[in-house]
Amino acid sequence: MTHQDIPVAECGEPLVDIAREGGILYGPPPERPETEPDYRWVRRSVYDKLLRVQASLPAGLRLRLYEGLRSLPIQAWLFDEEKRRVAETHPHLTPEQVHERATILVAPPMQNDGKPNIPPHSTGGAVDVEIVDANGRVIDFGMEVKDWVDVASEYCETRHAHLTPEARANRLLLCEAMEREGFANYVREWWHYSYGDRYWAFRRGEPRAIYGPVERPLR
């Protein structure tokens, strides 16, 4: 069984905008301007858990949201861009192999066999997060989240073998703080954590996901 085989029993929990709720820092809209309406929205339980993660961090450090909710059109654009990068870097791969390799860092809205997929960010349960210091600078993770397109995919792994001791310690600091609150880390991205979605259920041994695709409220 893969995480895509996990059933979804949508619980109906609402989304909240962390810009309105407060307590968690957030950066500028990621990737492209069209993400701006959605990226600060997460499910209510996810927001509450992020507050507890924030409270658990050492003095002077703050959690910062890079991205929460992501619309399916933006997800499709990101996946197409990643497929283009993979095809340019690995011209020997077949289209099917390009698709599979692109899924390492971007969840496809559609599986290779044409079946619809539920990307984690479309549920409001997945978050990309960093830790910043008292001056608002990202602490040393070896890279920042925004650099994911510029480094080898292996370097994004939470426990990549060739990190400096400081970067390794900081990735584990974030991972341990998030997992204590019930999040599941996507091991190929040190910044990505899920709660309530299919990947979370798969990693945590839950029988079903509680979050399916969701759209933010109209303002």
N, C-alpha and C. Protein backbone atom coordinates (compact mmCIF):
# COMPACT_ATOMS: atom_id res chain seq x y z
N MET A 1 0.83 -1.20 0.00
CA MET A 1 0.00 0.00 0.00
C MET A 1 0.87 1.25 0.00
N THR A 2 0.49 2.24 -0.80
CA THR A 2 1.14 3.54 -0.77
C THR A 2 0.20 4.55 -0.13
N HIS A 3 0.70 5.76 0.10
CA HIS A 3 -0.18 6.76 0.71
C HIS A 3 -1.36 7.12 -0.18
N GLN A 4 -1.22 6.90 -1.50
CA GLN A 4 -2.31 7.20 -2.42
C GLN A 4 -3.47 6.23 -2.29
N ASP A 5 -3.23 5.09 -1.61
CA ASP A 5 -4.29 4.11 -1.39
C ASP A 5 -5.08 4.36 -0.11
N ILE A 6 -4.64 5.31 0.70
CA ILE A 6 -5.30 5.59 1.97
C ILE A 6 -6.67 6.23 1.71
N PRO A 7 -7.74 5.72 2.32
CA PRO A 7 -9.05 6.35 2.16
C PRO A 7 -9.11 7.70 2.88
N VAL A 8 -9.99 8.56 2.41
CA VAL A 8 -10.17 9.89 3.00
C VAL A 8 -11.57 10.00 3.58
N ALA A 9 -11.66 10.36 4.86
CA ALA A 9 -12.94 10.63 5.50
C ALA A 9 -12.89 12.10 5.96
N GLU A 10 -13.28 12.98 5.05
CA GLU A 10 -13.19 14.42 5.32
C GLU A 10 -13.96 14.79 6.58
N CYS A 11 -13.27 15.47 7.50
CA CYS A 11 -13.89 15.81 8.79
C CYS A 11 -14.61 17.17 8.77
N GLY A 12 -14.40 17.95 7.73
CA GLY A 12 -15.09 19.23 7.62
C GLY A 12 -14.49 20.35 8.44
N GLU A 13 -13.30 20.15 8.96
CA GLU A 13 -12.67 21.20 9.77
C GLU A 13 -12.37 22.43 8.92
N PRO A 14 -12.64 23.63 9.42
CA PRO A 14 -12.44 24.82 8.60
C PRO A 14 -10.97 25.22 8.46
N LEU A 15 -10.74 26.05 7.47
CA LEU A 15 -9.44 26.70 7.29
C LEU A 15 -9.41 27.99 8.08
N VAL A 16 -8.20 28.39 8.49
CA VAL A 16 -8.01 29.70 9.11
C VAL A 16 -6.84 30.39 8.43
N ASP A 17 -6.87 31.71 8.44
CA ASP A 17 -5.82 32.53 7.85
C ASP A 17 -4.89 32.96 8.97
N ILE A 18 -3.64 32.50 8.94
CA ILE A 18 -2.74 32.84 10.05
C ILE A 18 -2.43 34.33 10.10
N ALA A 19 -2.63 35.05 9.00
CA ALA A 19 -2.44 36.50 9.04
C ALA A 19 -3.48 37.16 9.95
N ARG A 20 -4.66 36.58 10.00
CA ARG A 20 -5.72 37.11 10.88
C ARG A 20 -5.61 36.55 12.29
N GLU A 21 -5.22 35.27 12.39
CA GLU A 21 -5.16 34.63 13.69
C GLU A 21 -3.96 35.09 14.51
N GLY A 22 -2.82 35.35 13.83
CA GLY A 22 -1.62 35.79 14.51
C GLY A 22 -0.85 34.66 15.17
N GLY A 23 0.31 35.01 15.73
CA GLY A 23 1.10 34.05 16.49
C GLY A 23 2.16 33.31 15.71
N ILE A 24 1.99 33.21 14.38
CA ILE A 24 2.95 32.51 13.54
C ILE A 24 3.43 33.47 12.44
N LEU A 25 4.72 33.58 12.30
CA LEU A 25 5.27 34.41 11.23
C LEU A 25 5.02 33.76 9.87
N TYR A 26 5.01 34.58 8.84
CA TYR A 26 4.90 34.06 7.48
C TYR A 26 5.69 34.97 6.55
N GLY A 27 6.20 34.38 5.48
CA GLY A 27 6.99 35.12 4.53
C GLY A 27 6.15 35.64 3.38
N PRO A 28 6.79 36.11 2.32
CA PRO A 28 6.06 36.60 1.15
C PRO A 28 5.44 35.44 0.39
N PRO A 29 4.51 35.71 -0.52
CA PRO A 29 3.93 34.62 -1.32
C PRO A 29 5.01 33.83 -2.04
N PRO A 30 4.97 32.51 -1.96
CA PRO A 30 6.01 31.70 -2.60
C PRO A 30 5.76 31.48 -4.09
N GLU A 31 6.82 31.21 -4.81
CA GLU A 31 6.79 30.76 -6.20
C GLU A 31 6.32 31.81 -7.20
N ARG A 32 5.08 32.30 -7.06
CA ARG A 32 4.55 33.28 -8.01
C ARG A 32 3.41 34.04 -7.35
N PRO A 33 3.07 35.24 -7.85
CA PRO A 33 2.07 36.09 -7.17
C PRO A 33 0.71 35.43 -6.99
N GLU A 34 0.35 34.49 -7.86
CA GLU A 34 -0.96 33.87 -7.78
C GLU A 34 -1.16 33.02 -6.52
N THR A 35 -0.08 32.74 -5.79
CA THR A 35 -0.22 31.97 -4.55
C THR A 35 -0.71 32.84 -3.39
N GLU A 36 -0.66 34.15 -3.55
CA GLU A 36 -0.92 35.07 -2.44
C GLU A 36 -2.26 34.85 -1.74
N PRO A 37 -3.36 34.60 -2.45
CA PRO A 37 -4.63 34.44 -1.73
C PRO A 37 -4.71 33.21 -0.83
N ASP A 38 -3.91 32.19 -1.10
CA ASP A 38 -4.09 30.90 -0.44
C ASP A 38 -3.03 30.53 0.59
N TYR A 39 -1.80 30.98 0.43
CA TYR A 39 -0.67 30.32 1.09
C TYR A 39 -0.66 30.45 2.60
N ARG A 40 -1.38 31.41 3.17
CA ARG A 40 -1.39 31.58 4.62
C ARG A 40 -2.51 30.78 5.30
N TRP A 41 -3.32 30.09 4.52
CA TRP A 41 -4.45 29.36 5.08
C TRP A 41 -4.05 27.91 5.43
N VAL A 42 -4.50 27.45 6.60
CA VAL A 42 -4.28 26.06 7.04
C VAL A 42 -5.52 25.62 7.81
N ARG A 43 -5.65 24.32 8.03
CA ARG A 43 -6.75 23.83 8.87
C ARG A 43 -6.57 24.31 10.31
N ARG A 44 -7.68 24.44 11.00
CA ARG A 44 -7.66 24.95 12.38
C ARG A 44 -6.73 24.13 13.27
N SER A 45 -6.81 22.80 13.22
CA SER A 45 -5.94 21.98 14.07
C SER A 45 -4.47 22.16 13.72
N VAL A 46 -4.18 22.34 12.44
CA VAL A 46 -2.80 22.58 12.01
C VAL A 46 -2.29 23.88 12.62
N TYR A 47 -3.11 24.92 12.56
CA TYR A 47 -2.72 26.20 13.17
C TYR A 47 -2.45 26.04 14.66
N ASP A 48 -3.34 25.36 15.37
CA ASP A 48 -3.15 25.17 16.81
C ASP A 48 -1.86 24.41 17.10
N LYS A 49 -1.57 23.41 16.29
CA LYS A 49 -0.35 22.64 16.47
C LYS A 49 0.89 23.49 16.19
N LEU A 50 0.82 24.34 15.18
CA LEU A 50 1.96 25.21 14.89
C LEU A 50 2.24 26.16 16.05
N LEU A 51 1.19 26.63 16.71
CA LEU A 51 1.39 27.48 17.89
C LEU A 51 2.14 26.72 18.99
N ARG A 52 1.80 25.45 19.17
CA ARG A 52 2.48 24.66 20.20
C ARG A 52 3.92 24.36 19.80
N VAL A 53 4.16 24.13 18.52
CA VAL A 53 5.54 23.97 18.05
C VAL A 53 6.32 25.25 18.33
N GLN A 54 5.71 26.39 17.99
CA GLN A 54 6.35 27.68 18.24
C GLN A 54 6.75 27.82 19.72
N ALA A 55 5.85 27.46 20.61
CA ALA A 55 6.12 27.61 22.04
C ALA A 55 7.23 26.68 22.52
N SER A 56 7.48 25.60 21.80
CA SER A 56 8.48 24.62 22.23
C SER A 56 9.90 24.95 21.77
N LEU A 57 10.05 25.92 20.87
CA LEU A 57 11.37 26.22 20.32
C LEU A 57 12.24 26.95 21.33
N PRO A 58 13.56 26.82 21.21
CA PRO A 58 14.45 27.56 22.10
C PRO A 58 14.22 29.07 22.02
N ALA A 59 14.55 29.76 23.09
CA ALA A 59 14.35 31.21 23.16
C ALA A 59 15.04 31.90 21.99
N GLY A 60 14.36 32.87 21.41
CA GLY A 60 14.93 33.65 20.31
C GLY A 60 14.64 33.09 18.93
N LEU A 61 14.05 31.90 18.87
CA LEU A 61 13.74 31.29 17.58
C LEU A 61 12.24 31.32 17.34
N ARG A 62 11.85 31.53 16.08
CA ARG A 62 10.43 31.57 15.70
C ARG A 62 10.18 30.68 14.50
N LEU A 63 9.01 30.08 14.49
CA LEU A 63 8.57 29.32 13.34
C LEU A 63 8.04 30.29 12.29
N ARG A 64 8.34 30.03 11.02
CA ARG A 64 7.80 30.87 9.95
C ARG A 64 7.20 29.99 8.86
N LEU A 65 5.96 30.28 8.51
CA LEU A 65 5.30 29.55 7.43
C LEU A 65 5.80 30.04 6.08
N TYR A 66 6.21 29.09 5.26
CA TYR A 66 6.56 29.40 3.88
C TYR A 66 5.34 29.22 2.99
N GLU A 67 4.60 28.10 3.19
CA GLU A 67 3.38 27.88 2.42
C GLU A 67 2.49 26.87 3.11
N GLY A 68 1.20 27.16 3.10
CA GLY A 68 0.20 26.24 3.60
C GLY A 68 -0.65 25.73 2.44
N LEU A 69 -1.87 26.26 2.34
CA LEU A 69 -2.77 25.84 1.27
C LEU A 69 -2.23 26.24 -0.10
N ARG A 70 -2.41 25.35 -1.06
CA ARG A 70 -2.01 25.64 -2.45
C ARG A 70 -3.14 25.18 -3.38
N SER A 71 -3.55 26.04 -4.27
CA SER A 71 -4.64 25.70 -5.17
C SER A 71 -4.19 24.65 -6.18
N LEU A 72 -5.15 23.91 -6.72
CA LEU A 72 -4.82 22.89 -7.71
C LEU A 72 -4.23 23.48 -8.99
N PRO A 73 -4.70 24.64 -9.48
CA PRO A 73 -4.04 25.22 -10.67
C PRO A 73 -2.56 25.54 -10.43
N ILE A 74 -2.23 26.06 -9.26
CA ILE A 74 -0.82 26.34 -8.95
C ILE A 74 -0.05 25.04 -8.80
N GLN A 75 -0.67 24.03 -8.20
CA GLN A 75 -0.02 22.73 -8.07
C GLN A 75 0.29 22.15 -9.45
N ALA A 76 -0.65 22.27 -10.38
CA ALA A 76 -0.44 21.76 -11.73
C ALA A 76 0.69 22.52 -12.42
N TRP A 77 0.74 23.83 -12.22
CA TRP A 77 1.83 24.63 -12.81
C TRP A 77 3.18 24.21 -12.24
N LEU A 78 3.25 24.05 -10.91
CA LEU A 78 4.50 23.63 -10.28
C LEU A 78 4.97 22.28 -10.79
N PHE A 79 4.02 21.37 -10.93
CA PHE A 79 4.40 20.03 -11.39
C PHE A 79 4.89 20.07 -12.84
N ASP A 80 4.23 20.84 -13.67
CA ASP A 80 4.68 20.97 -15.06
C ASP A 80 6.08 21.58 -15.13
N GLU A 81 6.34 22.58 -14.28
CA GLU A 81 7.67 23.20 -14.24
C GLU A 81 8.72 22.20 -13.78
N GLU A 82 8.37 21.40 -12.79
CA GLU A 82 9.33 20.41 -12.30
C GLU A 82 9.59 19.34 -13.36
N LYS A 83 8.57 18.92 -14.08
CA LYS A 83 8.77 17.96 -15.17
C LYS A 83 9.69 18.56 -16.24
N ARG A 84 9.51 19.84 -16.53
CA ARG A 84 10.37 20.48 -17.52
C ARG A 84 11.82 20.47 -17.06
N ARG A 85 12.06 20.79 -15.76
CA ARG A 85 13.43 20.80 -15.24
C ARG A 85 14.04 19.40 -15.28
N VAL A 86 13.23 18.41 -14.89
CA VAL A 86 13.73 17.04 -14.90
C VAL A 86 14.07 16.60 -16.32
N ALA A 87 13.22 16.90 -17.28
CA ALA A 87 13.46 16.50 -18.67
C ALA A 87 14.70 17.17 -19.24
N GLU A 88 14.95 18.42 -18.85
CA GLU A 88 16.14 19.13 -19.34
C GLU A 88 17.41 18.56 -18.70
N THR A 89 17.33 18.20 -17.44
CA THR A 89 18.50 17.69 -16.73
C THR A 89 18.79 16.24 -17.07
N HIS A 90 17.74 15.48 -17.37
CA HIS A 90 17.89 14.04 -17.64
C HIS A 90 17.21 13.71 -18.97
N PRO A 91 17.79 14.14 -20.08
CA PRO A 91 17.14 13.96 -21.38
C PRO A 91 16.97 12.51 -21.81
N HIS A 92 17.65 11.58 -21.14
CA HIS A 92 17.54 10.17 -21.50
C HIS A 92 16.29 9.51 -20.93
N LEU A 93 15.59 10.16 -20.01
CA LEU A 93 14.44 9.55 -19.37
C LEU A 93 13.22 9.54 -20.28
N THR A 94 12.40 8.52 -20.14
CA THR A 94 11.14 8.45 -20.86
C THR A 94 10.14 9.41 -20.19
N PRO A 95 9.05 9.77 -20.87
CA PRO A 95 8.04 10.63 -20.24
C PRO A 95 7.52 10.06 -18.92
N GLU A 96 7.35 8.75 -18.87
CA GLU A 96 6.87 8.13 -17.62
C GLU A 96 7.91 8.29 -16.51
N GLN A 97 9.19 8.13 -16.86
CA GLN A 97 10.25 8.29 -15.87
C GLN A 97 10.39 9.75 -15.42
N VAL A 98 10.20 10.67 -16.35
CA VAL A 98 10.22 12.10 -16.00
C VAL A 98 9.11 12.40 -14.99
N HIS A 99 7.92 11.86 -15.26
CA HIS A 99 6.80 12.07 -14.35
C HIS A 99 7.15 11.55 -12.96
N GLU A 100 7.65 10.33 -12.88
CA GLU A 100 7.96 9.72 -11.58
C GLU A 100 9.04 10.50 -10.84
N ARG A 101 10.06 10.93 -11.55
CA ARG A 101 11.14 11.68 -10.89
C ARG A 101 10.65 13.05 -10.41
N ALA A 102 9.75 13.65 -11.18
CA ALA A 102 9.21 14.96 -10.78
C ALA A 102 8.40 14.86 -9.49
N THR A 103 7.83 13.68 -9.22
CA THR A 103 7.02 13.54 -8.01
C THR A 103 7.86 13.53 -6.73
N ILE A 104 9.17 13.46 -6.86
CA ILE A 104 10.03 13.48 -5.67
C ILE A 104 9.83 14.78 -4.88
N LEU A 105 9.73 15.91 -5.60
CA LEU A 105 9.64 17.20 -4.93
C LEU A 105 8.32 17.93 -5.16
N VAL A 106 7.50 17.47 -6.09
CA VAL A 106 6.20 18.11 -6.33
C VAL A 106 5.15 17.03 -6.52
N ALA A 107 4.08 17.11 -5.74
CA ALA A 107 2.99 16.12 -5.88
C ALA A 107 2.17 16.43 -7.13
N PRO A 108 1.89 15.43 -7.94
CA PRO A 108 1.12 15.66 -9.16
C PRO A 108 -0.38 15.73 -8.87
N PRO A 109 -1.10 16.61 -9.55
CA PRO A 109 -2.56 16.59 -9.42
C PRO A 109 -3.17 15.34 -10.05
N MET A 110 -2.42 14.71 -10.96
CA MET A 110 -2.88 13.53 -11.65
C MET A 110 -1.78 12.48 -11.61
N GLN A 111 -2.13 11.23 -11.31
CA GLN A 111 -1.14 10.16 -11.30
C GLN A 111 -0.76 9.79 -12.73
N ASN A 112 0.31 9.02 -12.84
CA ASN A 112 0.84 8.67 -14.17
C ASN A 112 -0.16 7.86 -14.98
N ASP A 113 -1.07 7.15 -14.30
CA ASP A 113 -2.06 6.35 -15.00
C ASP A 113 -3.34 7.13 -15.31
N GLY A 114 -3.32 8.42 -15.03
CA GLY A 114 -4.47 9.27 -15.34
C GLY A 114 -5.48 9.42 -14.21
N LYS A 115 -5.28 8.73 -13.09
CA LYS A 115 -6.19 8.85 -11.97
C LYS A 115 -5.90 10.15 -11.19
N PRO A 116 -6.94 10.80 -10.70
CA PRO A 116 -6.70 12.03 -9.93
C PRO A 116 -5.96 11.75 -8.63
N ASN A 117 -5.11 12.68 -8.24
CA ASN A 117 -4.36 12.59 -7.00
C ASN A 117 -4.84 13.70 -6.07
N ILE A 118 -4.52 13.58 -4.78
CA ILE A 118 -4.82 14.64 -3.81
C ILE A 118 -3.50 15.18 -3.29
N PRO A 119 -2.96 16.23 -3.89
CA PRO A 119 -1.70 16.79 -3.39
C PRO A 119 -1.86 17.26 -1.95
N PRO A 120 -0.88 16.99 -1.09
CA PRO A 120 -1.01 17.36 0.33
C PRO A 120 -1.37 18.82 0.57
N HIS A 121 -0.74 19.74 -0.17
CA HIS A 121 -1.01 21.16 0.07
C HIS A 121 -2.44 21.55 -0.28
N SER A 122 -3.13 20.74 -1.10
CA SER A 122 -4.51 21.08 -1.47
C SER A 122 -5.49 20.78 -0.35
N THR A 123 -5.03 20.10 0.71
CA THR A 123 -5.91 19.73 1.82
C THR A 123 -5.92 20.75 2.96
N GLY A 124 -4.98 21.67 2.97
CA GLY A 124 -4.84 22.57 4.10
C GLY A 124 -4.16 21.94 5.29
N GLY A 125 -3.71 20.69 5.13
CA GLY A 125 -3.05 19.99 6.23
C GLY A 125 -1.55 19.95 6.11
N ALA A 126 -1.01 20.29 4.95
CA ALA A 126 0.44 20.27 4.73
C ALA A 126 1.00 21.68 4.83
N VAL A 127 2.16 21.79 5.45
CA VAL A 127 2.82 23.09 5.59
C VAL A 127 4.30 22.97 5.26
N ASP A 128 4.83 24.01 4.66
CA ASP A 128 6.26 24.17 4.49
C ASP A 128 6.69 25.24 5.49
N VAL A 129 7.64 24.91 6.36
CA VAL A 129 8.01 25.81 7.45
C VAL A 129 9.52 25.91 7.59
N GLU A 130 9.94 27.04 8.14
CA GLU A 130 11.35 27.29 8.48
C GLU A 130 11.40 27.81 9.91
N ILE A 131 12.60 27.91 10.44
CA ILE A 131 12.83 28.58 11.72
C ILE A 131 13.70 29.80 11.47
N VAL A 132 13.33 30.93 12.06
CA VAL A 132 14.13 32.14 11.92
C VAL A 132 14.62 32.59 13.29
N ASP A 133 15.71 33.38 13.28
CA ASP A 133 16.27 33.87 14.53
C ASP A 133 15.60 35.19 14.93
N ALA A 134 16.12 35.81 15.99
CA ALA A 134 15.50 37.03 16.52
C ALA A 134 15.53 38.18 15.52
N ASN A 135 16.41 38.11 14.52
CA ASN A 135 16.49 39.15 13.49
C ASN A 135 15.69 38.79 12.24
N GLY A 136 14.97 37.68 12.30
CA GLY A 136 14.16 37.27 11.17
C GLY A 136 14.91 36.54 10.09
N ARG A 137 16.16 36.14 10.36
CA ARG A 137 16.96 35.41 9.37
C ARG A 137 16.75 33.91 9.55
N VAL A 138 16.63 33.20 8.44
CA VAL A 138 16.49 31.74 8.49
C VAL A 138 17.76 31.15 9.08
N ILE A 139 17.62 30.28 10.07
CA ILE A 139 18.80 29.64 10.64
C ILE A 139 19.39 28.66 9.62
N ASP A 140 20.56 28.16 9.90
CA ASP A 140 21.30 27.35 8.93
C ASP A 140 20.68 25.96 8.77
N PHE A 141 19.99 25.76 7.65
CA PHE A 141 19.49 24.44 7.28
C PHE A 141 20.28 23.88 6.10
N GLY A 142 21.35 24.56 5.73
CA GLY A 142 22.10 24.16 4.54
C GLY A 142 21.57 24.81 3.28
N MET A 143 20.34 25.28 3.33
CA MET A 143 19.66 25.93 2.22
C MET A 143 18.37 26.52 2.80
N GLU A 144 17.75 27.41 2.04
CA GLU A 144 16.42 27.88 2.40
C GLU A 144 15.40 27.16 1.53
N VAL A 145 14.15 27.16 1.96
CA VAL A 145 13.12 26.47 1.20
C VAL A 145 13.06 26.98 -0.23
N LYS A 146 13.16 28.29 -0.40
CA LYS A 146 13.04 28.89 -1.73
C LYS A 146 14.11 28.42 -2.70
N ASP A 147 15.17 27.79 -2.19
CA ASP A 147 16.28 27.33 -3.04
C ASP A 147 16.08 25.92 -3.57
N TRP A 148 14.91 25.31 -3.34
CA TRP A 148 14.73 23.90 -3.69
C TRP A 148 14.92 23.62 -5.18
N VAL A 149 14.67 24.61 -6.02
CA VAL A 149 14.83 24.39 -7.47
C VAL A 149 16.29 24.52 -7.91
N ASP A 150 17.15 25.00 -7.02
CA ASP A 150 18.53 25.30 -7.40
C ASP A 150 19.54 24.31 -6.84
N VAL A 151 19.09 23.33 -6.07
CA VAL A 151 20.01 22.35 -5.49
C VAL A 151 19.61 20.95 -5.94
N ALA A 152 20.52 20.02 -5.79
CA ALA A 152 20.20 18.62 -6.09
C ALA A 152 19.08 18.15 -5.18
N SER A 153 18.15 17.35 -5.70
CA SER A 153 17.01 16.92 -4.90
C SER A 153 17.45 16.19 -3.64
N GLU A 154 18.58 15.48 -3.71
CA GLU A 154 19.06 14.74 -2.54
C GLU A 154 19.40 15.67 -1.38
N TYR A 155 19.82 16.89 -1.69
CA TYR A 155 20.22 17.84 -0.64
C TYR A 155 19.01 18.32 0.16
N CYS A 156 17.81 18.15 -0.39
CA CYS A 156 16.59 18.55 0.30
C CYS A 156 16.17 17.55 1.37
N GLU A 157 16.72 16.35 1.34
CA GLU A 157 16.31 15.31 2.28
C GLU A 157 16.62 15.73 3.71
N THR A 158 15.69 15.43 4.59
CA THR A 158 15.83 15.84 5.99
C THR A 158 17.14 15.34 6.60
N ARG A 159 17.51 14.12 6.29
CA ARG A 159 18.73 13.54 6.86
C ARG A 159 19.79 13.29 5.79
N HIS A 160 19.96 14.28 4.92
CA HIS A 160 20.99 14.17 3.89
C HIS A 160 22.35 13.94 4.55
N ALA A 161 23.15 13.07 3.96
CA ALA A 161 24.39 12.61 4.60
C ALA A 161 25.48 13.67 4.66
N HIS A 162 25.46 14.64 3.75
CA HIS A 162 26.59 15.57 3.64
C HIS A 162 26.21 16.99 4.05
N LEU A 163 25.63 17.10 5.23
CA LEU A 163 25.31 18.40 5.81
C LEU A 163 26.39 18.80 6.81
N THR A 164 26.51 20.09 7.05
CA THR A 164 27.37 20.52 8.15
C THR A 164 26.69 20.12 9.46
N PRO A 165 27.46 19.99 10.54
CA PRO A 165 26.84 19.64 11.82
C PRO A 165 25.74 20.61 12.22
N GLU A 166 25.91 21.91 11.96
CA GLU A 166 24.90 22.89 12.34
C GLU A 166 23.62 22.71 11.53
N ALA A 167 23.76 22.53 10.22
CA ALA A 167 22.58 22.33 9.38
C ALA A 167 21.85 21.05 9.75
N ARG A 168 22.60 19.99 10.03
CA ARG A 168 21.98 18.72 10.43
C ARG A 168 21.21 18.90 11.74
N ALA A 169 21.82 19.58 12.70
CA ALA A 169 21.18 19.78 14.00
C ALA A 169 19.91 20.62 13.85
N ASN A 170 19.94 21.63 12.99
CA ASN A 170 18.78 22.49 12.83
C ASN A 170 17.64 21.78 12.11
N ARG A 171 17.97 20.94 11.14
CA ARG A 171 16.90 20.16 10.49
C ARG A 171 16.25 19.21 11.49
N LEU A 172 17.06 18.61 12.35
CA LEU A 172 16.51 17.70 13.35
C LEU A 172 15.74 18.45 14.42
N LEU A 173 16.17 19.66 14.76
CA LEU A 173 15.43 20.49 15.72
C LEU A 173 14.00 20.72 15.21
N LEU A 174 13.89 21.13 13.96
CA LEU A 174 12.58 21.37 13.37
C LEU A 174 11.78 20.08 13.30
N CYS A 175 12.41 19.01 12.85
CA CYS A 175 11.72 17.73 12.68
C CYS A 175 11.17 17.22 14.01
N GLU A 176 11.98 17.26 15.03
CA GLU A 176 11.55 16.74 16.33
C GLU A 176 10.43 17.59 16.92
N ALA A 177 10.52 18.92 16.76
CA ALA A 177 9.48 19.80 17.29
C ALA A 177 8.15 19.57 16.58
N MET A 178 8.20 19.39 15.27
CA MET A 178 6.97 19.17 14.51
C MET A 178 6.38 17.79 14.78
N GLU A 179 7.23 16.77 14.84
CA GLU A 179 6.72 15.41 15.04
C GLU A 179 6.17 15.22 16.45
N ARG A 180 6.67 15.96 17.42
CA ARG A 180 6.08 15.89 18.77
C ARG A 180 4.62 16.32 18.76
N GLU A 181 4.27 17.20 17.84
CA GLU A 181 2.89 17.67 17.75
C GLU A 181 2.06 16.87 16.76
N GLY A 182 2.59 15.73 16.30
CA GLY A 182 1.80 14.83 15.48
C GLY A 182 1.93 15.01 13.99
N PHE A 183 2.80 15.92 13.55
CA PHE A 183 3.04 16.07 12.12
C PHE A 183 3.91 14.92 11.61
N ALA A 184 3.80 14.65 10.32
CA ALA A 184 4.66 13.68 9.66
C ALA A 184 5.54 14.42 8.66
N ASN A 185 6.84 14.24 8.77
CA ASN A 185 7.78 14.86 7.84
C ASN A 185 7.86 14.08 6.55
N TYR A 186 7.83 14.79 5.43
CA TYR A 186 8.13 14.17 4.14
C TYR A 186 9.64 14.10 4.04
N VAL A 187 10.21 12.91 4.13
CA VAL A 187 11.64 12.76 4.37
C VAL A 187 12.50 13.31 3.23
N ARG A 188 11.92 13.56 2.07
CA ARG A 188 12.70 14.11 0.96
C ARG A 188 12.70 15.63 0.94
N GLU A 189 11.96 16.24 1.87
CA GLU A 189 11.93 17.70 2.00
C GLU A 189 11.97 18.04 3.49
N TRP A 190 13.06 18.60 3.96
CA TRP A 190 13.18 18.86 5.39
C TRP A 190 12.16 19.86 5.89
N TRP A 191 11.57 20.65 5.02
CA TRP A 191 10.66 21.72 5.39
C TRP A 191 9.19 21.32 5.35
N HIS A 192 8.86 20.17 4.80
CA HIS A 192 7.47 19.80 4.53
C HIS A 192 6.92 18.86 5.60
N TYR A 193 5.77 19.26 6.17
CA TYR A 193 5.13 18.47 7.22
C TYR A 193 3.64 18.36 6.95
N SER A 194 3.10 17.18 7.26
CA SER A 194 1.69 16.91 7.02
C SER A 194 0.98 16.56 8.31
N TYR A 195 -0.27 16.99 8.38
CA TYR A 195 -1.17 16.51 9.42
C TYR A 195 -2.54 16.32 8.77
N GLY A 196 -3.13 15.16 8.98
CA GLY A 196 -4.49 14.93 8.52
C GLY A 196 -4.66 14.45 7.10
N ASP A 197 -3.63 14.57 6.27
CA ASP A 197 -3.75 14.16 4.87
C ASP A 197 -3.33 12.70 4.70
N ARG A 198 -3.34 12.22 3.46
CA ARG A 198 -3.02 10.82 3.20
C ARG A 198 -1.59 10.47 3.60
N TYR A 199 -0.65 11.36 3.32
CA TYR A 199 0.74 11.04 3.67
C TYR A 199 0.90 10.92 5.18
N TRP A 200 0.26 11.82 5.91
CA TRP A 200 0.28 11.75 7.38
C TRP A 200 -0.28 10.42 7.86
N ALA A 201 -1.44 10.01 7.30
CA ALA A 201 -2.04 8.75 7.71
C ALA A 201 -1.12 7.57 7.41
N PHE A 202 -0.48 7.60 6.25
CA PHE A 202 0.44 6.53 5.86
C PHE A 202 1.62 6.45 6.81
N ARG A 203 2.23 7.59 7.10
CA ARG A 203 3.42 7.60 7.95
C ARG A 203 3.10 7.29 9.41
N ARG A 204 1.94 7.72 9.88
CA ARG A 204 1.59 7.57 11.29
C ARG A 204 0.77 6.30 11.57
N GLY A 205 0.52 5.50 10.52
CA GLY A 205 -0.22 4.26 10.73
C GLY A 205 -1.70 4.46 11.00
N GLU A 206 -2.26 5.56 10.52
CA GLU A 206 -3.68 5.82 10.71
C GLU A 206 -4.48 5.12 9.61
N PRO A 207 -5.69 4.67 9.91
CA PRO A 207 -6.47 3.92 8.91
C PRO A 207 -7.01 4.79 7.79
N ARG A 208 -7.14 6.09 8.04
CA ARG A 208 -7.70 6.98 7.02
C ARG A 208 -7.21 8.40 7.23
N ALA A 209 -7.23 9.18 6.15
CA ALA A 209 -6.95 10.61 6.24
C ALA A 209 -8.23 11.33 6.68
N ILE A 210 -8.07 12.45 7.34
CA ILE A 210 -9.23 13.23 7.78
C ILE A 210 -9.41 14.51 6.98
N TYR A 211 -8.44 14.82 6.12
CA TYR A 211 -8.53 16.01 5.27
C TYR A 211 -8.46 15.61 3.80
N GLY A 212 -9.42 16.06 3.02
CA GLY A 212 -9.38 15.95 1.57
C GLY A 212 -9.15 17.31 0.96
N PRO A 213 -9.31 17.44 -0.34
CA PRO A 213 -9.12 18.75 -0.99
C PRO A 213 -10.09 19.79 -0.41
N VAL A 214 -9.62 21.01 -0.30
CA VAL A 214 -10.45 22.07 0.28
C VAL A 214 -10.08 23.39 -0.41
N GLU A 215 -11.02 24.31 -0.42
CA GLU A 215 -10.77 25.63 -0.97
C GLU A 215 -10.97 26.66 0.13
N ARG A 216 -10.17 27.71 0.08
CA ARG A 216 -10.31 28.76 1.09
C ARG A 216 -11.65 29.48 0.92
N PRO A 217 -12.16 30.06 2.00
CA PRO A 217 -13.41 30.82 1.88
C PRO A 217 -13.22 32.04 0.99
N LEU A 218 -14.27 32.42 0.31
CA LEU A 218 -14.23 33.66 -0.47
C LEU A 218 -14.28 34.83 0.50
N ARG A 219 -13.47 35.83 0.24
CA ARG A 219 -13.44 36.99 1.15
C ARG A 219 -14.61 37.92 0.85
